[in-house]
Amino acid sequence: MTTLKVLAFLLLAVTTTPSPTPAATKSRNEFLAKVDTAFASRDAKELESLADVASWREEGYPELSTLRMSLPPGPLTRYKNLSDAAVLYRDPSGHSWCLRLRPPGESGVWKAVIRSTPCPRGGAQVAPQWKPGLRQTPTTSVWTLLECWPLPV
């Protein structure tokens, strides 16, 4: 394949990648405004209503009401979109925190991904479904919607 063909292929691939529809962008922006308000209030019930609790429970985690919610010091300021499914926030000391989003599925609404630790030890880890052997029931005493960014190595 010649260089020209490779460049033409890449250009075509980039230009044909679908961008979010205006309705999807509006829906996401409205959801993020609700998240911003919930972070400002620091109300666990309000944040829980925006979270993907069903997936959390499917993974074997306990009810959120039995755990302590953890958030970095406020106020939190949204400052950068990493992608359609990841948004960065900054705390008053300048540390960055990543909010992961689950795009609308059958429910038609955006949801925030729940984390069991704000800053996982050892950085990014292999998801339990990809580890060989029996799955253990996850244990935690806290939950959060934000993880430190960038993740430690």
C-alpha atoms as a PDB file:
ATOM      1  CA  MET A   1       0.000   0.000   0.000  1.00  0.00           C
ATOM      2  CA  THR A   2       1.439   3.338  -0.950  1.00  0.00           C
ATOM      3  CA  THR A   3       1.767   6.297   1.373  1.00  0.00           C
ATOM      4  CA  LEU A   4      -0.904   8.150  -0.593  1.00  0.00           C
ATOM      5  CA  LYS A   5      -3.368   5.288  -0.165  1.00  0.00           C
ATOM      6  CA  VAL A   6      -2.661   5.119   3.565  1.00  0.00           C
ATOM      7  CA  LEU A   7      -3.233   8.867   3.944  1.00  0.00           C
ATOM      8  CA  ALA A   8      -6.451   8.688   1.925  1.00  0.00           C
ATOM      9  CA  PHE A   9      -7.654   5.795   4.086  1.00  0.00           C
ATOM     10  CA  LEU A  10      -6.889   7.678   7.318  1.00  0.00           C
ATOM     11  CA  LEU A  11      -8.563  10.838   6.051  1.00  0.00           C
ATOM     12  CA  LEU A  12     -11.653   8.875   5.084  1.00  0.00           C
ATOM     13  CA  ALA A  13     -11.707   7.097   8.455  1.00  0.00           C
ATOM     14  CA  VAL A  14     -11.483  10.376  10.363  1.00  0.00           C
ATOM     15  CA  THR A  15     -14.125  12.168   8.318  1.00  0.00           C
ATOM     16  CA  THR A  16     -16.609   9.291   8.476  1.00  0.00           C
ATOM     17  CA  THR A  17     -16.430   8.822  12.247  1.00  0.00           C
ATOM     18  CA  PRO A  18     -19.880   9.802  13.476  1.00  0.00           C
ATOM     19  CA  SER A  19     -20.041  12.716  15.862  1.00  0.00           C
ATOM     20  CA  PRO A  20     -22.656  12.926  18.583  1.00  0.00           C
ATOM     21  CA  THR A  21     -26.025  14.209  17.449  1.00  0.00           C
ATOM     22  CA  PRO A  22     -27.114  17.618  18.728  1.00  0.00           C
ATOM     23  CA  ALA A  23     -29.737  15.878  20.887  1.00  0.00           C
ATOM     24  CA  ALA A  24     -27.112  13.587  22.434  1.00  0.00           C
ATOM     25  CA  THR A  25     -24.805  16.536  23.105  1.00  0.00           C
ATOM     26  CA  LYS A  26     -27.655  18.488  24.711  1.00  0.00           C
ATOM     27  CA  SER A  27     -28.601  15.470  26.830  1.00  0.00           C
ATOM     28  CA  ARG A  28     -24.983  15.058  27.992  1.00  0.00           C
ATOM     29  CA  ASN A  29     -24.637  18.755  28.801  1.00  0.00           C
ATOM     30  CA  GLU A  30     -27.865  18.700  30.817  1.00  0.00           C
ATOM     31  CA  PHE A  31     -26.625  15.632  32.703  1.00  0.00           C
ATOM     32  CA  LEU A  32     -23.280  17.291  33.475  1.00  0.00           C
ATOM     33  CA  ALA A  33     -25.095  20.390  34.782  1.00  0.00           C
ATOM     34  CA  LYS A  34     -26.958  18.103  37.214  1.00  0.00           C
ATOM     35  CA  VAL A  35     -23.655  16.499  38.239  1.00  0.00           C
ATOM     36  CA  ASP A  36     -22.119  19.943  38.822  1.00  0.00           C
ATOM     37  CA  THR A  37     -25.057  20.874  41.077  1.00  0.00           C
ATOM     38  CA  ALA A  38     -24.805  17.578  42.962  1.00  0.00           C
ATOM     39  CA  PHE A  39     -21.050  18.017  43.504  1.00  0.00           C
ATOM     40  CA  ALA A  40     -21.698  21.508  44.841  1.00  0.00           C
ATOM     41  CA  SER A  41     -24.334  20.204  47.278  1.00  0.00           C
ATOM     42  CA  ARG A  42     -22.183  17.166  48.203  1.00  0.00           C
ATOM     43  CA  ASP A  43     -25.443  15.305  48.822  1.00  0.00           C
ATOM     44  CA  ALA A  44     -24.951  11.529  48.615  1.00  0.00           C
ATOM     45  CA  LYS A  45     -28.582  10.841  47.627  1.00  0.00           C
ATOM     46  CA  GLU A  46     -28.443  13.399  44.825  1.00  0.00           C
ATOM     47  CA  LEU A  47     -25.186  11.918  43.489  1.00  0.00           C
ATOM     48  CA  GLU A  48     -26.566   8.395  43.823  1.00  0.00           C
ATOM     49  CA  SER A  49     -29.542   9.374  41.639  1.00  0.00           C
ATOM     50  CA  LEU A  50     -27.083  10.251  38.845  1.00  0.00           C
ATOM     51  CA  ALA A  51     -24.977   7.104  39.221  1.00  0.00           C
ATOM     52  CA  ASP A  52     -25.133   3.737  37.477  1.00  0.00           C
ATOM     53  CA  VAL A  53     -26.219   1.883  40.599  1.00  0.00           C
ATOM     54  CA  ALA A  54     -27.517  -1.115  38.624  1.00  0.00           C
ATOM     55  CA  SER A  55     -24.060  -1.914  37.180  1.00  0.00           C
ATOM     56  CA  TRP A  56     -22.459  -1.380  40.605  1.00  0.00           C
ATOM     57  CA  ARG A  57     -24.848  -3.902  42.170  1.00  0.00           C
ATOM     58  CA  GLU A  58     -24.397  -6.367  39.267  1.00  0.00           C
ATOM     59  CA  GLU A  59     -20.660  -6.360  40.039  1.00  0.00           C
ATOM     60  CA  GLY A  60     -21.465  -7.548  43.560  1.00  0.00           C
ATOM     61  CA  TYR A  61     -20.897  -4.322  45.488  1.00  0.00           C
ATOM     62  CA  PRO A  62     -23.070  -3.483  48.514  1.00  0.00           C
ATOM     63  CA  GLU A  63     -25.862  -0.900  48.589  1.00  0.00           C
ATOM     64  CA  LEU A  64     -24.498   2.646  48.460  1.00  0.00           C
ATOM     65  CA  SER A  65     -26.537   3.611  51.526  1.00  0.00           C
ATOM     66  CA  THR A  66     -24.352   1.268  53.618  1.00  0.00           C
ATOM     67  CA  LEU A  67     -21.126   2.952  52.438  1.00  0.00           C
ATOM     68  CA  ARG A  68     -19.491   6.328  52.996  1.00  0.00           C
ATOM     69  CA  MET A  69     -19.396   8.650  49.996  1.00  0.00           C
ATOM     70  CA  SER A  70     -15.955  10.091  49.253  1.00  0.00           C
ATOM     71  CA  LEU A  71     -15.340  13.315  47.339  1.00  0.00           C
ATOM     72  CA  PRO A  72     -12.251  15.505  47.048  1.00  0.00           C
ATOM     73  CA  PRO A  73     -12.368  18.886  48.790  1.00  0.00           C
ATOM     74  CA  GLY A  74     -14.743  21.331  47.129  1.00  0.00           C
ATOM     75  CA  PRO A  75     -15.687  23.325  45.322  1.00  0.00           C
ATOM     76  CA  LEU A  76     -15.078  21.152  42.271  1.00  0.00           C
ATOM     77  CA  THR A  77     -14.805  22.829  38.887  1.00  0.00           C
ATOM     78  CA  ARG A  78     -15.453  21.067  35.594  1.00  0.00           C
ATOM     79  CA  TYR A  79     -12.647  22.062  33.238  1.00  0.00           C
ATOM     80  CA  LYS A  80     -11.994  19.574  30.432  1.00  0.00           C
ATOM     81  CA  ASN A  81     -13.721  16.928  28.323  1.00  0.00           C
ATOM     82  CA  LEU A  82     -11.420  13.978  27.723  1.00  0.00           C
ATOM     83  CA  SER A  83     -14.054  12.257  25.564  1.00  0.00           C
ATOM     84  CA  ASP A  84     -17.821  11.852  25.392  1.00  0.00           C
ATOM     85  CA  ALA A  85     -17.502   9.446  28.332  1.00  0.00           C
ATOM     86  CA  ALA A  86     -14.874  11.183  30.507  1.00  0.00           C
ATOM     87  CA  VAL A  87     -14.797  14.657  32.055  1.00  0.00           C
ATOM     88  CA  LEU A  88     -12.116  16.218  34.242  1.00  0.00           C
ATOM     89  CA  TYR A  89     -12.818  18.242  37.372  1.00  0.00           C
ATOM     90  CA  ARG A  90     -10.340  20.223  39.440  1.00  0.00           C
ATOM     91  CA  ASP A  91     -10.356  20.702  43.219  1.00  0.00           C
ATOM     92  CA  PRO A  92      -9.159  23.905  44.969  1.00  0.00           C
ATOM     93  CA  SER A  93      -5.619  22.538  45.383  1.00  0.00           C
ATOM     94  CA  GLY A  94      -5.335  21.982  41.615  1.00  0.00           C
ATOM     95  CA  HIS A  95      -5.632  18.188  41.624  1.00  0.00           C
ATOM     96  CA  SER A  96      -7.539  16.664  38.708  1.00  0.00           C
ATOM     97  CA  TRP A  97     -10.367  14.147  39.083  1.00  0.00           C
ATOM     98  CA  CYS A  98     -12.020  12.139  36.317  1.00  0.00           C
ATOM     99  CA  LEU A  99     -15.755  11.491  36.075  1.00  0.00           C
ATOM    100  CA  ARG A 100     -16.550   8.520  33.817  1.00  0.00           C
ATOM    101  CA  LEU A 101     -19.914   8.511  32.085  1.00  0.00           C
ATOM    102  CA  ARG A 102     -22.017   5.653  30.820  1.00  0.00           C
ATOM    103  CA  PRO A 103     -23.789   6.810  27.635  1.00  0.00           C
ATOM    104  CA  PRO A 104     -27.553   6.423  27.394  1.00  0.00           C
ATOM    105  CA  GLY A 105     -28.584   2.857  26.814  1.00  0.00           C
ATOM    106  CA  GLU A 106     -32.040   1.368  27.034  1.00  0.00           C
ATOM    107  CA  SER A 107     -32.919   3.833  29.782  1.00  0.00           C
ATOM    108  CA  GLY A 108     -32.158   6.779  27.508  1.00  0.00           C
ATOM    109  CA  VAL A 109     -30.277   8.634  30.263  1.00  0.00           C
ATOM    110  CA  TRP A 110     -26.618   9.268  31.031  1.00  0.00           C
ATOM    111  CA  LYS A 111     -25.210   7.744  34.223  1.00  0.00           C
ATOM    112  CA  ALA A 112     -22.008   8.308  36.183  1.00  0.00           C
ATOM    113  CA  VAL A 113     -19.782   5.271  36.806  1.00  0.00           C
ATOM    114  CA  ILE A 114     -19.303   4.479  40.503  1.00  0.00           C
ATOM    115  CA  ARG A 115     -15.788   3.812  41.815  1.00  0.00           C
ATOM    116  CA  SER A 116     -14.842   1.894  44.962  1.00  0.00           C
ATOM    117  CA  THR A 117     -11.729   3.999  45.561  1.00  0.00           C
ATOM    118  CA  PRO A 118     -10.900   7.544  44.533  1.00  0.00           C
ATOM    119  CA  CYS A 119      -7.290   6.706  43.718  1.00  0.00           C
ATOM    120  CA  PRO A 120      -6.609   3.007  43.092  1.00  0.00           C
ATOM    121  CA  ARG A 121      -3.308   1.678  44.373  1.00  0.00           C
ATOM    122  CA  GLY A 122      -0.961   0.687  41.599  1.00  0.00           C
ATOM    123  CA  GLY A 123      -2.918   2.653  38.989  1.00  0.00           C
ATOM    124  CA  ALA A 124      -5.123   1.090  36.379  1.00  0.00           C
ATOM    125  CA  GLN A 125      -6.038  -2.510  37.135  1.00  0.00           C
ATOM    126  CA  VAL A 126      -7.377  -5.381  35.073  1.00  0.00           C
ATOM    127  CA  ALA A 127     -11.152  -5.549  35.387  1.00  0.00           C
ATOM    128  CA  PRO A 128     -12.336  -8.570  37.415  1.00  0.00           C
ATOM    129  CA  GLN A 129     -14.121 -10.123  34.424  1.00  0.00           C
ATOM    130  CA  TRP A 130     -10.773 -10.416  32.625  1.00  0.00           C
ATOM    131  CA  LYS A 131      -8.920 -12.111  35.497  1.00  0.00           C
ATOM    132  CA  PRO A 132      -8.732 -15.913  35.417  1.00  0.00           C
ATOM    133  CA  GLY A 133     -10.355 -17.960  38.166  1.00  0.00           C
ATOM    134  CA  LEU A 134     -13.347 -17.413  40.388  1.00  0.00           C
ATOM    135  CA  ARG A 135     -14.616 -13.895  40.906  1.00  0.00           C
ATOM    136  CA  GLN A 136     -14.505 -12.682  44.460  1.00  0.00           C
ATOM    137  CA  THR A 137     -17.219 -10.536  45.957  1.00  0.00           C
ATOM    138  CA  PRO A 138     -15.832  -7.001  45.968  1.00  0.00           C
ATOM    139  CA  THR A 139     -15.479  -5.290  49.322  1.00  0.00           C
ATOM    140  CA  THR A 140     -15.275  -1.597  50.054  1.00  0.00           C
ATOM    141  CA  SER A 141     -16.362   0.881  52.693  1.00  0.00           C
ATOM    142  CA  VAL A 142     -16.563   3.919  50.391  1.00  0.00           C
ATOM    143  CA  TRP A 143     -17.911   4.927  47.012  1.00  0.00           C
ATOM    144  CA  THR A 144     -17.183   7.858  44.728  1.00  0.00           C
ATOM    145  CA  LEU A 145     -17.931   9.153  41.258  1.00  0.00           C
ATOM    146  CA  LEU A 146     -14.460  10.640  40.825  1.00  0.00           C
ATOM    147  CA  GLU A 147     -11.070   9.007  40.432  1.00  0.00           C
ATOM    148  CA  CYS A 148      -7.730  10.771  40.602  1.00  0.00           C
ATOM    149  CA  TRP A 149      -6.295  11.823  37.268  1.00  0.00           C
ATOM    150  CA  PRO A 150      -3.979  10.802  35.877  1.00  0.00           C
ATOM    151  CA  LEU A 151      -4.073   7.398  37.510  1.00  0.00           C
ATOM    152  CA  PRO A 152      -0.914   6.490  39.419  1.00  0.00           C
ATOM    153  CA  VAL A 153       1.468   4.109  37.687  1.00  0.00           C
END
